[in-house]
Amino acid sequence: MSADNPLYQRHLSSAREATEQQSQDLLEHPSYKLAFADNDFLMQDELRHVRLQLEYLKPQLILEQHQINATVVVFGSARFVSRQQAEQMIAVAQTKLTQQPDAVALQQQLREAQRQLKNSVYYEAAAEFSRLVTQHSKDCPDSSLMIISGGGPGVMEAANKGAYQAGGQSIGLNIVLPHEQKPNPYITPEFCFRFHYFAIRKMHFLQRARALVAFPGGFGTLDELFETLTLLQTGKANTVPVILYDKSFWNRLINFDMLVEEGLIKAEDLELIQFVDTPEQAWQAICDCYQLGQSL
């Protein structure tokens, strides 16, 4: 067939178009994606070790670049609110009750708001403690400490808020949860991290920790507290002050003495824990440990 033949030209054009389409299809095929840009590939079970490594390295490199090597960890309930917010909740509940005084749900709402007001002392205390730490860090950069929290609401928010109000920076380690936990607005943006794996998040909590302050909290707080105590007890982590805020709460929740009496822990294991009842006492415990004014 002659090259000038119209049929031949149409055949050649069709073949060229088919080749170009095949090339485009190859470019768009999932197998052609760069491995590190292929989310479907990275999310396979076989790549879990890679995801763990990446999740560790991202915060690690950023914190190293900013020369952050000494932190104070603040744990506590995500459910506490500020005094102002609790007072607003009470006002709303009371207004509704005046209109429907026999409504059981509204009576319960008022009781919950009143409980929030009682527990708001922990929110305010966490904010004040973080303010004290951050103010010291601004005044004494050679012994500076940066507040680090779980990055969410409640005590975590208060901890970041106190640092923010003092004009300093703070870290937030958020976690992916079934009910999405958003970062609180007081975290320094470049130090706002998000994790999938609890284990890597916990590692970053303790890697630079010079002290840990645990305010009242639920399962999450207890999990973090006891994992920390276990690491300290077994020598897997360097000894740092572990400060429990509100002695009456913790003694009501956990019978530490019974653990000693039953031979489940040694008496000296209780020396890992200090109890305080004010933000000033918590900060003083850290100052006493490190004789602050010297480099940590």
C-alpha atoms as a PDB file:
ATOM      1  CA  MET A   1       0.000   0.000   0.000  1.00  0.00           C
ATOM      2  CA  SER A   2       1.367   3.368  -0.988  1.00  0.00           C
ATOM      3  CA  ALA A   3       2.317   5.816   1.738  1.00  0.00           C
ATOM      4  CA  ASP A   4       0.154   8.389  -0.035  1.00  0.00           C
ATOM      5  CA  ASN A   5      -2.894   6.168   0.151  1.00  0.00           C
ATOM      6  CA  PRO A   6      -5.620   7.759   2.352  1.00  0.00           C
ATOM      7  CA  LEU A   7      -6.406   4.386   3.966  1.00  0.00           C
ATOM      8  CA  TYR A   8      -2.770   3.954   4.909  1.00  0.00           C
ATOM      9  CA  GLN A   9      -2.645   7.482   6.361  1.00  0.00           C
ATOM     10  CA  ARG A  10      -5.755   6.826   8.489  1.00  0.00           C
ATOM     11  CA  HIS A  11      -4.246   3.547   9.706  1.00  0.00           C
ATOM     12  CA  LEU A  12      -0.986   5.301  10.604  1.00  0.00           C
ATOM     13  CA  SER A  13      -2.867   8.061  12.443  1.00  0.00           C
ATOM     14  CA  SER A  14      -4.934   5.547  14.393  1.00  0.00           C
ATOM     15  CA  ALA A  15      -1.820   3.609  15.368  1.00  0.00           C
ATOM     16  CA  ARG A  16      -0.122   6.798  16.522  1.00  0.00           C
ATOM     17  CA  GLU A  17      -3.153   7.783  18.617  1.00  0.00           C
ATOM     18  CA  ALA A  18      -3.296   4.303  20.141  1.00  0.00           C
ATOM     19  CA  THR A  19       0.386   4.507  21.041  1.00  0.00           C
ATOM     20  CA  GLU A  20      -0.041   7.929  22.637  1.00  0.00           C
ATOM     21  CA  GLN A  21      -3.046   6.673  24.631  1.00  0.00           C
ATOM     22  CA  GLN A  22      -1.080   3.650  25.808  1.00  0.00           C
ATOM     23  CA  SER A  23       1.734   5.926  26.941  1.00  0.00           C
ATOM     24  CA  GLN A  24      -0.714   8.132  28.793  1.00  0.00           C
ATOM     25  CA  ASP A  25      -2.322   5.091  30.401  1.00  0.00           C
ATOM     26  CA  LEU A  26       1.100   3.963  31.607  1.00  0.00           C
ATOM     27  CA  LEU A  27       1.805   7.371  33.105  1.00  0.00           C
ATOM     28  CA  GLU A  28      -1.476   7.251  35.016  1.00  0.00           C
ATOM     29  CA  HIS A  29      -1.168   3.648  36.161  1.00  0.00           C
ATOM     30  CA  PRO A  30      -0.688   3.223  39.960  1.00  0.00           C
ATOM     31  CA  SER A  31       2.457   1.154  39.430  1.00  0.00           C
ATOM     32  CA  TYR A  32       4.157   4.174  37.809  1.00  0.00           C
ATOM     33  CA  LYS A  33       3.769   6.409  40.871  1.00  0.00           C
ATOM     34  CA  LEU A  34       6.850   7.208  42.869  1.00  0.00           C
ATOM     35  CA  ALA A  35       6.846   4.852  45.833  1.00  0.00           C
ATOM     36  CA  PHE A  36       6.890   7.643  48.459  1.00  0.00           C
ATOM     37  CA  ALA A  37       4.002   9.424  46.687  1.00  0.00           C
ATOM     38  CA  ASP A  38       1.801   6.334  46.411  1.00  0.00           C
ATOM     39  CA  ASN A  39      -0.529   6.346  49.417  1.00  0.00           C
ATOM     40  CA  ASP A  40      -2.166   3.044  48.489  1.00  0.00           C
ATOM     41  CA  PHE A  41       1.253   1.411  48.423  1.00  0.00           C
ATOM     42  CA  LEU A  42       2.400   2.983  51.684  1.00  0.00           C
ATOM     43  CA  MET A  43      -0.776   1.926  53.517  1.00  0.00           C
ATOM     44  CA  GLN A  44      -0.226  -1.789  52.909  1.00  0.00           C
ATOM     45  CA  ASP A  45       0.393  -3.958  55.986  1.00  0.00           C
ATOM     46  CA  GLU A  46       3.812  -4.877  54.645  1.00  0.00           C
ATOM     47  CA  LEU A  47       4.842  -1.201  54.819  1.00  0.00           C
ATOM     48  CA  ARG A  48       3.911  -0.694  58.487  1.00  0.00           C
ATOM     49  CA  HIS A  49       7.569  -0.562  59.518  1.00  0.00           C
ATOM     50  CA  VAL A  50       8.152   2.218  56.992  1.00  0.00           C
ATOM     51  CA  ARG A  51       5.176   4.206  58.321  1.00  0.00           C
ATOM     52  CA  LEU A  52       6.452   3.777  61.869  1.00  0.00           C
ATOM     53  CA  GLN A  53       9.850   5.066  60.849  1.00  0.00           C
ATOM     54  CA  LEU A  54       8.413   8.056  58.982  1.00  0.00           C
ATOM     55  CA  GLU A  55       6.120   8.903  61.876  1.00  0.00           C
ATOM     56  CA  TYR A  56       9.093   8.924  64.211  1.00  0.00           C
ATOM     57  CA  LEU A  57      11.425  10.838  61.888  1.00  0.00           C
ATOM     58  CA  LYS A  58       9.199  13.771  60.932  1.00  0.00           C
ATOM     59  CA  PRO A  59       8.847  15.272  64.447  1.00  0.00           C
ATOM     60  CA  GLN A  60      12.355  14.141  65.351  1.00  0.00           C
ATOM     61  CA  LEU A  61      14.012  16.060  62.532  1.00  0.00           C
ATOM     62  CA  ILE A  62      11.896  19.177  63.022  1.00  0.00           C
ATOM     63  CA  LEU A  63      12.586  19.314  66.769  1.00  0.00           C
ATOM     64  CA  GLU A  64      16.278  18.698  66.171  1.00  0.00           C
ATOM     65  CA  GLN A  65      16.390  21.489  63.609  1.00  0.00           C
ATOM     66  CA  HIS A  66      14.921  23.861  66.200  1.00  0.00           C
ATOM     67  CA  GLN A  67      17.341  22.556  68.866  1.00  0.00           C
ATOM     68  CA  ILE A  68      14.564  21.506  71.229  1.00  0.00           C
ATOM     69  CA  ASN A  69      16.019  19.020  73.688  1.00  0.00           C
ATOM     70  CA  ALA A  70      14.276  19.648  77.033  1.00  0.00           C
ATOM     71  CA  THR A  71      10.518  19.464  77.575  1.00  0.00           C
ATOM     72  CA  VAL A  72       7.970  19.254  80.364  1.00  0.00           C
ATOM     73  CA  VAL A  73       5.162  16.828  79.585  1.00  0.00           C
ATOM     74  CA  VAL A  74       1.639  17.708  80.735  1.00  0.00           C
ATOM     75  CA  PHE A  75      -0.989  14.975  80.826  1.00  0.00           C
ATOM     76  CA  GLY A  76      -4.624  15.199  81.934  1.00  0.00           C
ATOM     77  CA  SER A  77      -8.242  14.850  80.935  1.00  0.00           C
ATOM     78  CA  ALA A  78      -9.430  16.068  77.556  1.00  0.00           C
ATOM     79  CA  ARG A  79     -12.872  16.709  79.080  1.00  0.00           C
ATOM     80  CA  PHE A  80     -12.158  19.608  81.426  1.00  0.00           C
ATOM     81  CA  VAL A  81     -13.067  23.125  80.356  1.00  0.00           C
ATOM     82  CA  SER A  82     -12.048  26.604  81.483  1.00  0.00           C
ATOM     83  CA  ARG A  83     -13.853  28.376  84.306  1.00  0.00           C
ATOM     84  CA  GLN A  84     -15.326  30.857  81.834  1.00  0.00           C
ATOM     85  CA  GLN A  85     -16.695  28.108  79.619  1.00  0.00           C
ATOM     86  CA  ALA A  86     -18.123  26.226  82.614  1.00  0.00           C
ATOM     87  CA  GLU A  87     -19.868  29.374  83.875  1.00  0.00           C
ATOM     88  CA  GLN A  88     -21.389  29.880  80.435  1.00  0.00           C
ATOM     89  CA  MET A  89     -22.634  26.268  80.454  1.00  0.00           C
ATOM     90  CA  ILE A  90     -24.292  26.845  83.834  1.00  0.00           C
ATOM     91  CA  ALA A  91     -25.936  30.061  82.644  1.00  0.00           C
ATOM     92  CA  VAL A  92     -27.359  28.330  79.553  1.00  0.00           C
ATOM     93  CA  ALA A  93     -28.657  25.364  81.568  1.00  0.00           C
ATOM     94  CA  GLN A  94     -30.281  27.617  84.183  1.00  0.00           C
ATOM     95  CA  THR A  95     -31.980  29.713  81.516  1.00  0.00           C
ATOM     96  CA  LYS A  96     -33.453  26.610  79.900  1.00  0.00           C
ATOM     97  CA  LEU A  97     -34.595  25.265  83.288  1.00  0.00           C
ATOM     98  CA  THR A  98     -36.549  28.411  84.066  1.00  0.00           C
ATOM     99  CA  GLN A  99     -38.616  27.645  80.992  1.00  0.00           C
ATOM    100  CA  GLN A 100     -38.915  23.882  81.648  1.00  0.00           C
ATOM    101  CA  PRO A 101     -38.244  23.353  85.384  1.00  0.00           C
ATOM    102  CA  ASP A 102     -39.377  19.716  85.358  1.00  0.00           C
ATOM    103  CA  ALA A 103     -37.245  18.615  82.385  1.00  0.00           C
ATOM    104  CA  VAL A 104     -35.024  15.779  83.613  1.00  0.00           C
ATOM    105  CA  ALA A 105     -32.548  16.183  80.755  1.00  0.00           C
ATOM    106  CA  LEU A 106     -32.083  19.864  81.577  1.00  0.00           C
ATOM    107  CA  GLN A 107     -31.581  19.075  85.271  1.00  0.00           C
ATOM    108  CA  GLN A 108     -28.859  16.639  84.274  1.00  0.00           C
ATOM    109  CA  GLN A 109     -27.351  19.275  81.973  1.00  0.00           C
ATOM    110  CA  LEU A 110     -27.144  21.694  84.896  1.00  0.00           C
ATOM    111  CA  ARG A 111     -25.496  19.085  87.146  1.00  0.00           C
ATOM    112  CA  GLU A 112     -22.938  18.364  84.418  1.00  0.00           C
ATOM    113  CA  ALA A 113     -22.206  22.077  84.030  1.00  0.00           C
ATOM    114  CA  GLN A 114     -21.761  22.429  87.791  1.00  0.00           C
ATOM    115  CA  ARG A 115     -19.342  19.502  87.785  1.00  0.00           C
ATOM    116  CA  GLN A 116     -17.435  21.132  84.965  1.00  0.00           C
ATOM    117  CA  LEU A 117     -17.156  24.297  87.026  1.00  0.00           C
ATOM    118  CA  LYS A 118     -15.754  22.296  89.955  1.00  0.00           C
ATOM    119  CA  ASN A 119     -13.224  20.559  87.708  1.00  0.00           C
ATOM    120  CA  SER A 120     -12.273  23.749  85.875  1.00  0.00           C
ATOM    121  CA  VAL A 121      -9.716  24.301  88.645  1.00  0.00           C
ATOM    122  CA  TYR A 122      -7.541  21.712  86.884  1.00  0.00           C
ATOM    123  CA  TYR A 123      -7.766  23.532  83.562  1.00  0.00           C
ATOM    124  CA  GLU A 124      -6.801  26.814  85.196  1.00  0.00           C
ATOM    125  CA  ALA A 125      -3.998  25.168  87.192  1.00  0.00           C
ATOM    126  CA  ALA A 126      -2.508  23.519  84.094  1.00  0.00           C
ATOM    127  CA  ALA A 127      -2.506  26.857  82.287  1.00  0.00           C
ATOM    128  CA  GLU A 128      -0.835  28.599  85.217  1.00  0.00           C
ATOM    129  CA  PHE A 129       1.786  25.861  85.580  1.00  0.00           C
ATOM    130  CA  SER A 130       2.675  26.099  81.899  1.00  0.00           C
ATOM    131  CA  ARG A 131       2.863  29.869  82.179  1.00  0.00           C
ATOM    132  CA  LEU A 132       5.403  29.527  85.009  1.00  0.00           C
ATOM    133  CA  VAL A 133       7.526  27.071  83.020  1.00  0.00           C
ATOM    134  CA  THR A 134       7.445  29.195  79.897  1.00  0.00           C
ATOM    135  CA  GLN A 135       8.188  32.435  81.713  1.00  0.00           C
ATOM    136  CA  HIS A 136      11.269  30.824  83.247  1.00  0.00           C
ATOM    137  CA  SER A 137      12.351  29.607  79.818  1.00  0.00           C
ATOM    138  CA  LYS A 138      12.088  33.121  78.414  1.00  0.00           C
ATOM    139  CA  ASP A 139      14.011  34.610  81.343  1.00  0.00           C
ATOM    140  CA  CYS A 140      16.654  31.850  81.525  1.00  0.00           C
ATOM    141  CA  PRO A 141      17.285  30.463  78.022  1.00  0.00           C
ATOM    142  CA  ASP A 142      20.252  28.394  79.240  1.00  0.00           C
ATOM    143  CA  SER A 143      17.853  26.220  81.270  1.00  0.00           C
ATOM    144  CA  SER A 144      14.781  26.521  79.091  1.00  0.00           C
ATOM    145  CA  LEU A 145      12.027  23.942  79.047  1.00  0.00           C
ATOM    146  CA  MET A 146       9.263  23.669  76.456  1.00  0.00           C
ATOM    147  CA  ILE A 147       5.761  22.512  77.332  1.00  0.00           C
ATOM    148  CA  ILE A 148       4.553  19.475  75.402  1.00  0.00           C
ATOM    149  CA  SER A 149       0.977  18.166  75.514  1.00  0.00           C
ATOM    150  CA  GLY A 150      -1.247  15.748  73.671  1.00  0.00           C
ATOM    151  CA  GLY A 151      -2.426  18.645  71.538  1.00  0.00           C
ATOM    152  CA  GLY A 152      -6.149  18.240  72.136  1.00  0.00           C
ATOM    153  CA  PRO A 153      -8.737  19.926  74.383  1.00  0.00           C
ATOM    154  CA  GLY A 154      -9.039  19.995  78.170  1.00  0.00           C
ATOM    155  CA  VAL A 155      -5.817  19.934  80.185  1.00  0.00           C
ATOM    156  CA  MET A 156      -3.869  19.615  76.940  1.00  0.00           C
ATOM    157  CA  GLU A 157      -5.359  22.857  75.657  1.00  0.00           C
ATOM    158  CA  ALA A 158      -4.727  24.560  78.997  1.00  0.00           C
ATOM    159  CA  ALA A 159      -1.046  23.546  78.913  1.00  0.00           C
ATOM    160  CA  ASN A 160      -0.515  24.995  75.448  1.00  0.00           C
ATOM    161  CA  LYS A 161      -2.613  28.031  76.360  1.00  0.00           C
ATOM    162  CA  GLY A 162      -0.457  28.855  79.372  1.00  0.00           C
ATOM    163  CA  ALA A 163       2.683  28.784  77.243  1.00  0.00           C
ATOM    164  CA  TYR A 164       0.983  30.904  74.585  1.00  0.00           C
ATOM    165  CA  GLN A 165      -0.179  33.503  77.116  1.00  0.00           C
ATOM    166  CA  ALA A 166       3.375  33.754  78.438  1.00  0.00           C
ATOM    167  CA  GLY A 167       4.540  34.599  74.931  1.00  0.00           C
ATOM    168  CA  GLY A 168       6.360  31.324  74.425  1.00  0.00           C
ATOM    169  CA  GLN A 169       6.202  28.258  72.218  1.00  0.00           C
ATOM    170  CA  SER A 170       4.841  24.793  72.946  1.00  0.00           C
ATOM    171  CA  ILE A 171       4.461  21.391  71.312  1.00  0.00           C
ATOM    172  CA  GLY A 172       1.281  19.417  70.613  1.00  0.00           C
ATOM    173  CA  LEU A 173       1.260  15.721  69.704  1.00  0.00           C
ATOM    174  CA  ASN A 174      -2.198  15.057  68.284  1.00  0.00           C
ATOM    175  CA  ILE A 175      -3.473  11.546  67.561  1.00  0.00           C
ATOM    176  CA  VAL A 176      -5.883  10.135  64.975  1.00  0.00           C
ATOM    177  CA  LEU A 177      -8.947   8.839  66.837  1.00  0.00           C
ATOM    178  CA  PRO A 178     -12.338   7.415  65.760  1.00  0.00           C
ATOM    179  CA  HIS A 179     -13.897  10.683  66.935  1.00  0.00           C
ATOM    180  CA  GLU A 180     -11.452  13.083  65.350  1.00  0.00           C
ATOM    181  CA  GLN A 181      -9.369  15.055  67.845  1.00  0.00           C
ATOM    182  CA  LYS A 182      -8.525  18.488  66.517  1.00  0.00           C
ATOM    183  CA  PRO A 183      -5.419  20.367  67.653  1.00  0.00           C
ATOM    184  CA  ASN A 184      -6.107  23.167  70.078  1.00  0.00           C
ATOM    185  CA  PRO A 185      -5.355  26.677  68.740  1.00  0.00           C
ATOM    186  CA  TYR A 186      -2.555  27.476  71.211  1.00  0.00           C
ATOM    187  CA  ILE A 187       0.070  25.065  69.853  1.00  0.00           C
ATOM    188  CA  THR A 188       2.994  26.650  68.039  1.00  0.00           C
ATOM    189  CA  PRO A 189       2.186  25.807  64.375  1.00  0.00           C
ATOM    190  CA  GLU A 190       5.611  24.398  63.465  1.00  0.00           C
ATOM    191  CA  PHE A 191       5.402  22.073  66.490  1.00  0.00           C
ATOM    192  CA  CYS A 192       1.883  20.769  65.879  1.00  0.00           C
ATOM    193  CA  PHE A 193       2.263  17.097  64.969  1.00  0.00           C
ATOM    194  CA  ARG A 194      -0.239  14.370  64.165  1.00  0.00           C
ATOM    195  CA  PHE A 195       0.249  10.673  64.843  1.00  0.00           C
ATOM    196  CA  HIS A 196      -1.443   7.438  63.904  1.00  0.00           C
ATOM    197  CA  TYR A 197       0.568   5.185  66.229  1.00  0.00           C
ATOM    198  CA  PHE A 198       0.257   5.648  69.983  1.00  0.00           C
ATOM    199  CA  ALA A 199       3.661   4.015  70.495  1.00  0.00           C
ATOM    200  CA  ILE A 200       5.556   6.588  68.424  1.00  0.00           C
ATOM    201  CA  ARG A 201       3.623   9.434  70.036  1.00  0.00           C
ATOM    202  CA  LYS A 202       4.551   8.161  73.506  1.00  0.00           C
ATOM    203  CA  MET A 203       8.174   7.873  72.461  1.00  0.00           C
ATOM    204  CA  HIS A 204       8.212  11.543  71.513  1.00  0.00           C
ATOM    205  CA  PHE A 205       6.558  12.491  74.802  1.00  0.00           C
ATOM    206  CA  LEU A 206       9.404  10.964  76.795  1.00  0.00           C
ATOM    207  CA  GLN A 207      12.429  11.316  74.540  1.00  0.00           C
ATOM    208  CA  ARG A 208      13.175  14.889  75.636  1.00  0.00           C
ATOM    209  CA  ALA A 209      11.206  14.934  78.884  1.00  0.00           C
ATOM    210  CA  ARG A 210      12.809  16.517  81.928  1.00  0.00           C
ATOM    211  CA  ALA A 211       9.621  16.208  83.983  1.00  0.00           C
ATOM    212  CA  LEU A 212       6.086  14.909  83.695  1.00  0.00           C
ATOM    213  CA  VAL A 213       3.067  16.489  85.354  1.00  0.00           C
ATOM    214  CA  ALA A 214      -0.140  14.460  85.400  1.00  0.00           C
ATOM    215  CA  PHE A 215      -3.386  16.233  86.184  1.00  0.00           C
ATOM    216  CA  PRO A 216      -6.534  14.187  86.876  1.00  0.00           C
ATOM    217  CA  GLY A 217      -7.706  12.237  83.867  1.00  0.00           C
ATOM    218  CA  GLY A 218      -9.221   9.031  82.580  1.00  0.00           C
ATOM    219  CA  PHE A 219      -7.951   5.964  80.732  1.00  0.00           C
ATOM    220  CA  GLY A 220      -5.623   7.905  78.445  1.00  0.00           C
ATOM    221  CA  THR A 221      -3.966   9.770  81.299  1.00  0.00           C
ATOM    222  CA  LEU A 222      -3.601   6.587  83.349  1.00  0.00           C
ATOM    223  CA  ASP A 223      -2.152   4.721  80.369  1.00  0.00           C
ATOM    224  CA  GLU A 224       0.462   7.407  79.782  1.00  0.00           C
ATOM    225  CA  LEU A 225       1.259   7.753  83.478  1.00  0.00           C
ATOM    226  CA  PHE A 226       1.761   4.059  84.181  1.00  0.00           C
ATOM    227  CA  GLU A 227       3.744   3.439  81.026  1.00  0.00           C
ATOM    228  CA  THR A 228       6.061   6.252  82.111  1.00  0.00           C
ATOM    229  CA  LEU A 229       6.375   4.832  85.626  1.00  0.00           C
ATOM    230  CA  THR A 230       7.097   1.375  84.218  1.00  0.00           C
ATOM    231  CA  LEU A 231       9.876   2.723  81.997  1.00  0.00           C
ATOM    232  CA  LEU A 232      11.406   4.577  84.944  1.00  0.00           C
ATOM    233  CA  GLN A 233      11.035   1.626  87.317  1.00  0.00           C
ATOM    234  CA  THR A 234      12.740  -0.751  84.886  1.00  0.00           C
ATOM    235  CA  GLY A 235      15.490   1.669  83.905  1.00  0.00           C
ATOM    236  CA  LYS A 236      14.328   1.916  80.307  1.00  0.00           C
ATOM    237  CA  ALA A 237      14.126   5.695  80.631  1.00  0.00           C
ATOM    238  CA  ASN A 238      16.198   8.225  82.523  1.00  0.00           C
ATOM    239  CA  THR A 239      14.735   9.152  85.900  1.00  0.00           C
ATOM    240  CA  VAL A 240      12.766  12.399  85.794  1.00  0.00           C
ATOM    241  CA  PRO A 241      10.278  13.941  88.242  1.00  0.00           C
ATOM    242  CA  VAL A 242       6.793  12.486  87.908  1.00  0.00           C
ATOM    243  CA  ILE A 243       4.438  14.961  89.535  1.00  0.00           C
ATOM    244  CA  LEU A 244       0.810  14.109  90.291  1.00  0.00           C
ATOM    245  CA  TYR A 245      -1.413  17.140  90.661  1.00  0.00           C
ATOM    246  CA  ASP A 246      -4.010  17.022  93.488  1.00  0.00           C
ATOM    247  CA  LYS A 247      -2.894  14.449  96.032  1.00  0.00           C
ATOM    248  CA  SER A 248      -6.414  13.742  97.288  1.00  0.00           C
ATOM    249  CA  PHE A 249      -7.612  12.846  93.794  1.00  0.00           C
ATOM    250  CA  TRP A 250      -4.771  10.433  93.102  1.00  0.00           C
ATOM    251  CA  ASN A 251      -4.921   8.766  96.525  1.00  0.00           C
ATOM    252  CA  ARG A 252      -8.653   8.313  96.100  1.00  0.00           C
ATOM    253  CA  LEU A 253      -8.128   6.801  92.654  1.00  0.00           C
ATOM    254  CA  ILE A 254      -5.084   4.595  93.291  1.00  0.00           C
ATOM    255  CA  ASN A 255      -4.033   2.896  96.521  1.00  0.00           C
ATOM    256  CA  PHE A 256      -0.287   3.161  96.039  1.00  0.00           C
ATOM    257  CA  ASP A 257       0.449   2.016  99.597  1.00  0.00           C
ATOM    258  CA  MET A 258      -1.495  -1.203  99.030  1.00  0.00           C
ATOM    259  CA  LEU A 259       0.813  -2.051  96.125  1.00  0.00           C
ATOM    260  CA  VAL A 260       3.745  -1.845  98.532  1.00  0.00           C
ATOM    261  CA  GLU A 261       1.947  -3.765 101.293  1.00  0.00           C
ATOM    262  CA  GLU A 262       1.151  -6.601  98.896  1.00  0.00           C
ATOM    263  CA  GLY A 263       4.738  -6.718  97.651  1.00  0.00           C
ATOM    264  CA  LEU A 264       3.723  -5.732  94.130  1.00  0.00           C
ATOM    265  CA  ILE A 265       6.148  -2.821  94.039  1.00  0.00           C
ATOM    266  CA  LYS A 266       9.032  -1.832  96.284  1.00  0.00           C
ATOM    267  CA  ALA A 267       8.697   0.975  98.785  1.00  0.00           C
ATOM    268  CA  GLU A 268      11.385   2.925  96.938  1.00  0.00           C
ATOM    269  CA  ASP A 269       9.304   2.769  93.761  1.00  0.00           C
ATOM    270  CA  LEU A 270       7.001   5.330  95.347  1.00  0.00           C
ATOM    271  CA  GLU A 271       9.930   7.734  95.313  1.00  0.00           C
ATOM    272  CA  LEU A 272       9.336   8.024  91.579  1.00  0.00           C
ATOM    273  CA  ILE A 273       6.160  10.007  92.382  1.00  0.00           C
ATOM    274  CA  GLN A 274       5.667  13.442  93.911  1.00  0.00           C
ATOM    275  CA  PHE A 275       2.313  14.935  94.869  1.00  0.00           C
ATOM    276  CA  VAL A 276       1.486  18.632  94.591  1.00  0.00           C
ATOM    277  CA  ASP A 277      -1.606  20.751  95.067  1.00  0.00           C
ATOM    278  CA  THR A 278      -0.740  24.035  93.363  1.00  0.00           C
ATOM    279  CA  PRO A 279       0.928  25.069  90.095  1.00  0.00           C
ATOM    280  CA  GLU A 280       3.653  26.760  92.136  1.00  0.00           C
ATOM    281  CA  GLN A 281       4.423  23.530  93.994  1.00  0.00           C
ATOM    282  CA  ALA A 282       4.658  21.624  90.713  1.00  0.00           C
ATOM    283  CA  TRP A 283       7.100  24.142  89.278  1.00  0.00           C
ATOM    284  CA  GLN A 284       9.108  24.242  92.521  1.00  0.00           C
ATOM    285  CA  ALA A 285       9.494  20.443  92.426  1.00  0.00           C
ATOM    286  CA  ILE A 286      11.121  20.742  89.003  1.00  0.00           C
ATOM    287  CA  CYS A 287      13.305  23.637  90.112  1.00  0.00           C
ATOM    288  CA  ASP A 288      14.462  21.662  93.156  1.00  0.00           C
ATOM    289  CA  CYS A 289      15.291  18.622  91.040  1.00  0.00           C
ATOM    290  CA  TYR A 290      17.441  20.490  88.552  1.00  0.00           C
ATOM    291  CA  GLN A 291      18.588  23.437  90.692  1.00  0.00           C
ATOM    292  CA  LEU A 292      17.369  25.644  87.899  1.00  0.00           C
ATOM    293  CA  GLY A 293      19.642  28.391  86.843  1.00  0.00           C
ATOM    294  CA  GLN A 294      22.082  25.739  85.643  1.00  0.00           C
ATOM    295  CA  SER A 295      21.908  24.187  82.201  1.00  0.00           C
ATOM    296  CA  LEU A 296      19.738  21.080  82.020  1.00  0.00           C
END
